[in-house]
Amino acid sequence: MRRLTVISLLMVGPANAINASLHDELKFNFLRDIAPVAAITREPLVMLIHPSVPAKSVPEFIAYAKANPGKIIDGIDREWKLTITFSGLLFTMMTGVDLGIAHYAGGGPALKGLIEGEVQMMFEPISASIAPVRAGKLRPLAVTTATRSAVLPETPKLG
């Protein structure tokens, strides 16, 4: 008699790993039970600001935010699932800036809020933000990679 082996393939993203670290009640252990097979894509985030913010670099942004505590608003996902949320929070923790937070129903609405000036900064994948950056609606301050991005070669790396 032949045995049938069932293999399931699952496509996961950063939200899956983040949620696994936030929720104790999951019926699986993400790190133990999910084995990576291949990477399909890797996309850096870009730190974006609204053009009304006078900073032209990350150090200038940090100085401006520290001089104006709570006046710079970071657009984040209200479900606390997206990488954009944790990138902004990590940036806040590492730099000591006091940013306000505006909760949105996902990255798309948060990006729209940034373009419209409802919020002044956020982290967003390059693919989602390249059009408003090239149109001059947003200013990129840094990419979250170890080297500059070929898509935004003039934008420095963060840190």
N, C-alpha and C. Protein backbone atom coordinates (compact mmCIF):
# COMPACT_ATOMS: atom_id res chain seq x y z
N MET A 1 0.83 -1.17 0.00
CA MET A 1 0.00 0.00 0.00
C MET A 1 0.89 1.25 0.00
N ARG A 2 0.57 2.21 -0.83
CA ARG A 2 1.35 3.43 -0.94
C ARG A 2 0.87 4.47 0.07
N ARG A 3 1.82 5.19 0.62
CA ARG A 3 1.49 6.29 1.54
C ARG A 3 1.41 7.58 0.74
N LEU A 4 0.46 8.36 1.07
CA LEU A 4 0.29 9.65 0.43
C LEU A 4 0.84 10.73 1.35
N THR A 5 1.75 11.51 0.84
CA THR A 5 2.31 12.62 1.61
C THR A 5 1.68 13.91 1.10
N VAL A 6 1.18 14.67 2.02
CA VAL A 6 0.56 15.95 1.67
C VAL A 6 1.51 17.07 2.06
N ILE A 7 1.77 17.92 1.10
CA ILE A 7 2.62 19.08 1.34
C ILE A 7 1.80 20.32 1.00
N SER A 8 1.79 21.24 1.90
CA SER A 8 1.09 22.50 1.66
C SER A 8 2.11 23.61 1.46
N LEU A 9 1.82 24.46 0.50
CA LEU A 9 2.67 25.62 0.29
C LEU A 9 1.90 26.84 0.77
N LEU A 10 2.59 27.71 1.40
CA LEU A 10 1.99 28.90 1.98
C LEU A 10 2.85 30.09 1.64
N MET A 11 2.22 31.16 1.19
CA MET A 11 2.95 32.39 0.92
C MET A 11 2.72 33.33 2.09
N VAL A 12 3.79 33.71 2.75
CA VAL A 12 3.68 34.57 3.92
C VAL A 12 4.44 35.87 3.71
N GLY A 13 4.10 36.83 4.52
CA GLY A 13 4.77 38.12 4.46
C GLY A 13 5.15 38.56 5.86
N PRO A 14 5.65 39.76 5.98
CA PRO A 14 6.07 40.26 7.30
C PRO A 14 4.96 40.22 8.34
N ALA A 15 3.72 40.47 7.93
CA ALA A 15 2.62 40.48 8.90
C ALA A 15 2.48 39.14 9.60
N ASN A 16 2.75 38.04 8.90
CA ASN A 16 2.65 36.72 9.53
C ASN A 16 3.65 36.56 10.66
N ALA A 17 4.87 36.96 10.43
CA ALA A 17 5.89 36.86 11.47
C ALA A 17 5.61 37.82 12.62
N ILE A 18 5.16 39.02 12.28
CA ILE A 18 4.83 40.00 13.32
C ILE A 18 3.70 39.50 14.19
N ASN A 19 2.63 39.02 13.57
CA ASN A 19 1.49 38.54 14.34
C ASN A 19 1.87 37.36 15.23
N ALA A 20 2.75 36.51 14.75
CA ALA A 20 3.18 35.37 15.56
C ALA A 20 3.90 35.83 16.82
N SER A 21 4.55 36.97 16.75
CA SER A 21 5.25 37.47 17.93
C SER A 21 4.31 38.22 18.89
N LEU A 22 3.13 38.58 18.42
CA LEU A 22 2.19 39.34 19.25
C LEU A 22 1.11 38.50 19.91
N HIS A 23 0.81 37.34 19.33
CA HIS A 23 -0.34 36.56 19.79
C HIS A 23 0.11 35.20 20.36
N ASP A 24 -0.16 35.01 21.64
CA ASP A 24 0.19 33.75 22.29
C ASP A 24 -0.79 32.62 21.98
N GLU A 25 -2.00 32.97 21.54
CA GLU A 25 -3.06 31.97 21.39
C GLU A 25 -3.06 31.24 20.05
N LEU A 26 -2.07 31.48 19.21
CA LEU A 26 -2.01 30.79 17.93
C LEU A 26 -1.85 29.29 18.14
N LYS A 27 -2.43 28.50 17.26
CA LYS A 27 -2.38 27.05 17.38
C LYS A 27 -1.15 26.45 16.70
N PHE A 28 -0.22 27.30 16.34
CA PHE A 28 1.02 26.84 15.72
C PHE A 28 2.15 27.76 16.15
N ASN A 29 3.35 27.27 15.99
CA ASN A 29 4.54 28.07 16.27
C ASN A 29 5.12 28.44 14.91
N PHE A 30 5.05 29.70 14.58
CA PHE A 30 5.45 30.15 13.25
C PHE A 30 6.89 29.73 12.92
N LEU A 31 7.80 29.96 13.84
CA LEU A 31 9.21 29.64 13.57
C LEU A 31 9.46 28.14 13.48
N ARG A 32 8.74 27.35 14.26
CA ARG A 32 8.94 25.90 14.25
C ARG A 32 8.17 25.21 13.14
N ASP A 33 6.95 25.65 12.86
CA ASP A 33 6.05 24.92 11.98
C ASP A 33 6.09 25.36 10.51
N ILE A 34 6.67 26.50 10.24
CA ILE A 34 6.73 26.99 8.86
C ILE A 34 8.18 26.93 8.39
N ALA A 35 8.41 26.21 7.33
CA ALA A 35 9.77 26.08 6.78
C ALA A 35 9.85 26.84 5.46
N PRO A 36 10.75 27.81 5.37
CA PRO A 36 10.86 28.55 4.11
C PRO A 36 11.40 27.67 2.99
N VAL A 37 10.83 27.86 1.81
CA VAL A 37 11.26 27.12 0.63
C VAL A 37 12.01 28.05 -0.33
N ALA A 38 11.43 29.22 -0.56
CA ALA A 38 12.05 30.17 -1.48
C ALA A 38 11.55 31.57 -1.17
N ALA A 39 12.38 32.53 -1.47
CA ALA A 39 11.97 33.92 -1.36
C ALA A 39 11.45 34.36 -2.73
N ILE A 40 10.29 34.94 -2.72
CA ILE A 40 9.69 35.39 -3.98
C ILE A 40 10.05 36.84 -4.24
N THR A 41 10.03 37.61 -3.19
CA THR A 41 10.34 39.03 -3.34
C THR A 41 10.93 39.57 -2.05
N ARG A 42 11.67 40.60 -2.18
CA ARG A 42 12.20 41.32 -1.03
C ARG A 42 12.09 42.79 -1.39
N GLU A 43 11.40 43.52 -0.54
CA GLU A 43 11.19 44.93 -0.85
C GLU A 43 11.49 45.80 0.36
N PRO A 44 12.35 46.77 0.17
CA PRO A 44 12.64 47.67 1.28
C PRO A 44 11.51 48.67 1.47
N LEU A 45 11.53 49.26 2.63
CA LEU A 45 10.62 50.37 2.91
C LEU A 45 11.37 51.66 2.67
N VAL A 46 10.62 52.72 2.53
CA VAL A 46 11.21 54.05 2.40
C VAL A 46 10.56 54.93 3.47
N MET A 47 11.39 55.70 4.13
CA MET A 47 10.89 56.66 5.11
C MET A 47 10.45 57.89 4.33
N LEU A 48 9.17 58.21 4.43
CA LEU A 48 8.59 59.29 3.66
C LEU A 48 8.11 60.41 4.57
N ILE A 49 8.21 61.63 4.08
CA ILE A 49 7.62 62.75 4.80
C ILE A 49 6.80 63.59 3.83
N HIS A 50 5.84 64.32 4.37
CA HIS A 50 5.05 65.25 3.58
C HIS A 50 5.95 66.46 3.26
N PRO A 51 5.81 67.05 2.08
CA PRO A 51 6.66 68.19 1.73
C PRO A 51 6.55 69.40 2.66
N SER A 52 5.50 69.46 3.46
CA SER A 52 5.37 70.59 4.40
C SER A 52 6.37 70.50 5.55
N VAL A 53 6.95 69.32 5.76
CA VAL A 53 7.98 69.15 6.79
C VAL A 53 9.29 69.66 6.21
N PRO A 54 9.96 70.60 6.87
CA PRO A 54 11.14 71.23 6.27
C PRO A 54 12.40 70.37 6.21
N ALA A 55 12.42 69.22 6.81
CA ALA A 55 13.62 68.39 6.85
C ALA A 55 13.97 67.85 5.47
N LYS A 56 15.27 67.79 5.20
CA LYS A 56 15.77 67.23 3.93
C LYS A 56 16.58 65.96 4.15
N SER A 57 16.77 65.58 5.41
CA SER A 57 17.54 64.38 5.75
C SER A 57 16.98 63.80 7.05
N VAL A 58 17.38 62.58 7.36
CA VAL A 58 16.93 61.96 8.61
C VAL A 58 17.42 62.74 9.83
N PRO A 59 18.70 63.14 9.92
CA PRO A 59 19.11 63.94 11.08
C PRO A 59 18.31 65.24 11.21
N GLU A 60 18.03 65.91 10.09
CA GLU A 60 17.21 67.12 10.14
C GLU A 60 15.80 66.81 10.62
N PHE A 61 15.26 65.67 10.17
CA PHE A 61 13.91 65.27 10.60
C PHE A 61 13.88 65.02 12.11
N ILE A 62 14.87 64.31 12.60
CA ILE A 62 14.94 64.02 14.03
C ILE A 62 15.02 65.32 14.83
N ALA A 63 15.87 66.24 14.40
CA ALA A 63 16.00 67.53 15.08
C ALA A 63 14.68 68.30 15.04
N TYR A 64 14.01 68.30 13.89
CA TYR A 64 12.73 69.00 13.76
C TYR A 64 11.67 68.36 14.65
N ALA A 65 11.61 67.03 14.65
CA ALA A 65 10.62 66.33 15.48
C ALA A 65 10.87 66.56 16.96
N LYS A 66 12.13 66.59 17.37
CA LYS A 66 12.45 66.85 18.78
C LYS A 66 12.12 68.29 19.17
N ALA A 67 12.26 69.21 18.23
CA ALA A 67 11.93 70.61 18.51
C ALA A 67 10.42 70.85 18.49
N ASN A 68 9.66 69.91 17.93
CA ASN A 68 8.20 70.02 17.81
C ASN A 68 7.54 68.74 18.31
N PRO A 69 7.73 68.38 19.60
CA PRO A 69 7.22 67.11 20.11
C PRO A 69 5.72 66.94 19.92
N GLY A 70 5.34 65.79 19.38
CA GLY A 70 3.94 65.44 19.20
C GLY A 70 3.27 66.09 18.00
N LYS A 71 3.96 66.97 17.30
CA LYS A 71 3.35 67.68 16.17
C LYS A 71 3.52 66.91 14.85
N ILE A 72 4.49 66.03 14.78
CA ILE A 72 4.67 65.18 13.60
C ILE A 72 3.83 63.92 13.85
N ILE A 73 2.95 63.60 12.90
CA ILE A 73 2.06 62.46 13.05
C ILE A 73 2.52 61.35 12.10
N ASP A 74 2.65 60.15 12.63
CA ASP A 74 3.05 58.96 11.89
C ASP A 74 1.79 58.19 11.51
N GLY A 75 1.62 57.90 10.22
CA GLY A 75 0.48 57.10 9.76
C GLY A 75 0.79 55.63 9.89
N ILE A 76 -0.03 54.90 10.65
CA ILE A 76 0.19 53.47 10.86
C ILE A 76 -1.11 52.68 10.66
N ASP A 77 -0.97 51.37 10.55
CA ASP A 77 -2.09 50.46 10.39
C ASP A 77 -2.77 50.25 11.74
N ARG A 78 -4.06 50.48 11.81
CA ARG A 78 -4.77 50.36 13.09
C ARG A 78 -4.85 48.93 13.60
N GLU A 79 -4.64 47.96 12.75
CA GLU A 79 -4.68 46.55 13.18
C GLU A 79 -3.35 46.08 13.73
N TRP A 80 -2.33 46.92 13.70
CA TRP A 80 -0.99 46.58 14.20
C TRP A 80 -0.42 45.35 13.50
N LYS A 81 -0.67 45.23 12.20
CA LYS A 81 -0.21 44.06 11.48
C LYS A 81 0.90 44.34 10.49
N LEU A 82 0.99 45.55 10.03
CA LEU A 82 1.89 45.82 8.93
C LEU A 82 3.28 46.25 9.36
N THR A 83 4.22 45.99 8.49
CA THR A 83 5.59 46.39 8.73
C THR A 83 5.71 47.90 8.89
N ILE A 84 4.83 48.66 8.20
CA ILE A 84 4.90 50.12 8.31
C ILE A 84 4.68 50.56 9.75
N THR A 85 3.80 49.87 10.45
CA THR A 85 3.51 50.22 11.84
C THR A 85 4.74 50.03 12.71
N PHE A 86 5.36 48.87 12.61
CA PHE A 86 6.49 48.56 13.48
C PHE A 86 7.74 49.33 13.09
N SER A 87 7.89 49.67 11.82
CA SER A 87 9.04 50.48 11.41
C SER A 87 8.97 51.86 12.04
N GLY A 88 7.80 52.47 12.02
CA GLY A 88 7.63 53.78 12.64
C GLY A 88 7.84 53.73 14.15
N LEU A 89 7.32 52.70 14.79
CA LEU A 89 7.50 52.57 16.23
C LEU A 89 8.96 52.32 16.59
N LEU A 90 9.64 51.50 15.82
CA LEU A 90 11.06 51.25 16.06
C LEU A 90 11.87 52.52 15.87
N PHE A 91 11.56 53.28 14.83
CA PHE A 91 12.25 54.54 14.59
C PHE A 91 12.06 55.48 15.78
N THR A 92 10.85 55.55 16.29
CA THR A 92 10.55 56.40 17.44
C THR A 92 11.35 55.96 18.66
N MET A 93 11.40 54.67 18.90
CA MET A 93 12.13 54.15 20.06
C MET A 93 13.63 54.39 19.93
N MET A 94 14.18 54.21 18.73
CA MET A 94 15.61 54.33 18.55
C MET A 94 16.10 55.78 18.54
N THR A 95 15.24 56.71 18.15
CA THR A 95 15.67 58.11 18.04
C THR A 95 15.20 58.97 19.20
N GLY A 96 14.20 58.49 19.95
CA GLY A 96 13.68 59.27 21.07
C GLY A 96 12.77 60.41 20.65
N VAL A 97 12.32 60.43 19.41
CA VAL A 97 11.40 61.48 18.99
C VAL A 97 10.00 61.18 19.52
N ASP A 98 9.22 62.21 19.73
CA ASP A 98 7.85 62.09 20.22
C ASP A 98 6.92 62.34 19.05
N LEU A 99 6.49 61.25 18.39
CA LEU A 99 5.59 61.36 17.25
C LEU A 99 4.17 61.03 17.67
N GLY A 100 3.22 61.74 17.10
CA GLY A 100 1.83 61.37 17.26
C GLY A 100 1.54 60.19 16.34
N ILE A 101 0.42 59.54 16.54
CA ILE A 101 0.07 58.38 15.72
C ILE A 101 -1.35 58.56 15.19
N ALA A 102 -1.53 58.31 13.91
CA ALA A 102 -2.84 58.27 13.28
C ALA A 102 -3.05 56.86 12.76
N HIS A 103 -4.12 56.24 13.17
CA HIS A 103 -4.43 54.86 12.77
C HIS A 103 -5.25 54.85 11.47
N TYR A 104 -4.82 54.01 10.54
CA TYR A 104 -5.52 53.86 9.26
C TYR A 104 -5.84 52.39 9.04
N ALA A 105 -6.79 52.13 8.16
CA ALA A 105 -7.19 50.77 7.83
C ALA A 105 -6.29 50.22 6.72
N GLY A 106 -4.98 50.18 6.97
CA GLY A 106 -4.04 49.62 6.02
C GLY A 106 -3.09 50.65 5.45
N GLY A 107 -2.13 50.16 4.69
CA GLY A 107 -1.09 51.00 4.13
C GLY A 107 -1.59 51.96 3.06
N GLY A 108 -2.54 51.54 2.24
CA GLY A 108 -3.08 52.41 1.19
C GLY A 108 -3.72 53.67 1.75
N PRO A 109 -4.66 53.52 2.69
CA PRO A 109 -5.26 54.71 3.30
C PRO A 109 -4.24 55.58 4.04
N ALA A 110 -3.25 54.96 4.68
CA ALA A 110 -2.23 55.74 5.38
C ALA A 110 -1.40 56.55 4.38
N LEU A 111 -1.06 55.94 3.25
CA LEU A 111 -0.30 56.65 2.22
C LEU A 111 -1.12 57.82 1.66
N LYS A 112 -2.40 57.61 1.45
CA LYS A 112 -3.29 58.68 1.00
C LYS A 112 -3.31 59.82 2.03
N GLY A 113 -3.37 59.45 3.31
CA GLY A 113 -3.35 60.46 4.37
C GLY A 113 -2.05 61.25 4.37
N LEU A 114 -0.93 60.59 4.07
CA LEU A 114 0.35 61.29 4.00
C LEU A 114 0.38 62.25 2.81
N ILE A 115 -0.08 61.79 1.66
CA ILE A 115 -0.11 62.64 0.47
C ILE A 115 -0.99 63.87 0.71
N GLU A 116 -2.09 63.68 1.40
CA GLU A 116 -3.03 64.78 1.65
C GLU A 116 -2.63 65.65 2.84
N GLY A 117 -1.56 65.28 3.54
CA GLY A 117 -1.07 66.09 4.65
C GLY A 117 -1.76 65.84 5.98
N GLU A 118 -2.59 64.79 6.07
CA GLU A 118 -3.22 64.44 7.35
C GLU A 118 -2.17 63.98 8.35
N VAL A 119 -1.15 63.28 7.84
CA VAL A 119 -0.01 62.85 8.64
C VAL A 119 1.25 63.38 7.96
N GLN A 120 2.35 63.43 8.70
CA GLN A 120 3.56 64.02 8.15
C GLN A 120 4.66 63.03 7.82
N MET A 121 4.55 61.80 8.30
CA MET A 121 5.59 60.81 7.99
C MET A 121 5.04 59.41 8.08
N MET A 122 5.71 58.50 7.39
CA MET A 122 5.42 57.07 7.51
C MET A 122 6.48 56.29 6.76
N PHE A 123 6.52 55.01 7.04
CA PHE A 123 7.35 54.07 6.30
C PHE A 123 6.41 53.31 5.36
N GLU A 124 6.84 53.11 4.13
CA GLU A 124 5.99 52.47 3.13
C GLU A 124 6.87 51.70 2.14
N PRO A 125 6.39 50.58 1.59
CA PRO A 125 7.17 49.89 0.56
C PRO A 125 7.44 50.82 -0.63
N ILE A 126 8.60 50.66 -1.22
CA ILE A 126 8.98 51.51 -2.35
C ILE A 126 7.97 51.39 -3.49
N SER A 127 7.50 50.18 -3.78
CA SER A 127 6.59 50.01 -4.91
C SER A 127 5.31 50.81 -4.75
N ALA A 128 4.83 50.96 -3.53
CA ALA A 128 3.59 51.70 -3.29
C ALA A 128 3.80 53.20 -3.30
N SER A 129 5.02 53.64 -3.06
CA SER A 129 5.25 55.08 -2.88
C SER A 129 6.05 55.73 -4.01
N ILE A 130 6.53 54.97 -4.95
CA ILE A 130 7.41 55.55 -5.97
C ILE A 130 6.69 56.59 -6.83
N ALA A 131 5.44 56.37 -7.18
CA ALA A 131 4.72 57.34 -8.03
C ALA A 131 4.54 58.68 -7.32
N PRO A 132 4.03 58.73 -6.08
CA PRO A 132 3.92 60.04 -5.43
C PRO A 132 5.28 60.68 -5.12
N VAL A 133 6.32 59.88 -4.94
CA VAL A 133 7.66 60.45 -4.74
C VAL A 133 8.12 61.13 -6.02
N ARG A 134 8.00 60.43 -7.13
CA ARG A 134 8.44 61.00 -8.42
C ARG A 134 7.60 62.20 -8.84
N ALA A 135 6.33 62.25 -8.38
CA ALA A 135 5.46 63.38 -8.69
C ALA A 135 5.70 64.57 -7.75
N GLY A 136 6.61 64.39 -6.77
CA GLY A 136 6.92 65.47 -5.84
C GLY A 136 5.90 65.64 -4.73
N LYS A 137 4.99 64.68 -4.59
CA LYS A 137 3.97 64.76 -3.54
C LYS A 137 4.49 64.30 -2.18
N LEU A 138 5.59 63.54 -2.19
CA LEU A 138 6.21 63.04 -0.97
C LEU A 138 7.72 63.18 -1.09
N ARG A 139 8.39 63.30 0.05
CA ARG A 139 9.85 63.39 0.07
C ARG A 139 10.41 62.15 0.75
N PRO A 140 11.23 61.37 0.04
CA PRO A 140 11.87 60.22 0.67
C PRO A 140 13.11 60.68 1.44
N LEU A 141 13.23 60.21 2.69
CA LEU A 141 14.42 60.57 3.47
C LEU A 141 15.44 59.45 3.53
N ALA A 142 14.96 58.19 3.49
CA ALA A 142 15.89 57.06 3.60
C ALA A 142 15.19 55.78 3.19
N VAL A 143 15.99 54.81 2.75
CA VAL A 143 15.49 53.46 2.49
C VAL A 143 15.99 52.55 3.61
N THR A 144 15.26 51.48 3.86
CA THR A 144 15.58 50.59 4.98
C THR A 144 16.45 49.41 4.56
N THR A 145 17.37 49.64 3.67
CA THR A 145 18.26 48.58 3.22
C THR A 145 19.70 48.93 3.61
N ALA A 146 20.57 47.95 3.45
CA ALA A 146 21.98 48.17 3.80
C ALA A 146 22.69 49.04 2.77
N THR A 147 22.11 49.12 1.58
CA THR A 147 22.68 49.96 0.52
C THR A 147 21.54 50.77 -0.10
N ARG A 148 21.91 51.75 -0.90
CA ARG A 148 20.89 52.54 -1.59
C ARG A 148 20.09 51.67 -2.55
N SER A 149 18.88 52.09 -2.82
CA SER A 149 18.01 51.37 -3.75
C SER A 149 18.25 51.84 -5.17
N ALA A 150 18.25 50.91 -6.11
CA ALA A 150 18.39 51.28 -7.52
C ALA A 150 17.18 52.09 -7.98
N VAL A 151 16.05 51.91 -7.33
CA VAL A 151 14.83 52.63 -7.71
C VAL A 151 14.89 54.09 -7.24
N LEU A 152 15.49 54.31 -6.07
CA LEU A 152 15.66 55.66 -5.52
C LEU A 152 17.14 55.89 -5.20
N PRO A 153 17.99 55.94 -6.23
CA PRO A 153 19.44 55.98 -5.98
C PRO A 153 19.91 57.22 -5.23
N GLU A 154 19.18 58.32 -5.29
CA GLU A 154 19.58 59.54 -4.61
C GLU A 154 19.19 59.53 -3.13
N THR A 155 18.38 58.55 -2.73
CA THR A 155 17.91 58.47 -1.33
C THR A 155 18.89 57.62 -0.51
N PRO A 156 19.41 58.17 0.58
CA PRO A 156 20.38 57.42 1.39
C PRO A 156 19.71 56.26 2.14
N LYS A 157 20.55 55.37 2.63
CA LYS A 157 20.06 54.28 3.47
C LYS A 157 19.86 54.80 4.89
N LEU A 158 18.97 54.18 5.61
CA LEU A 158 18.68 54.58 6.98
C LEU A 158 19.74 53.99 7.88
N GLY A 159 20.42 54.82 8.64
CA GLY A 159 21.40 54.33 9.61
C GLY A 159 22.66 53.94 9.03
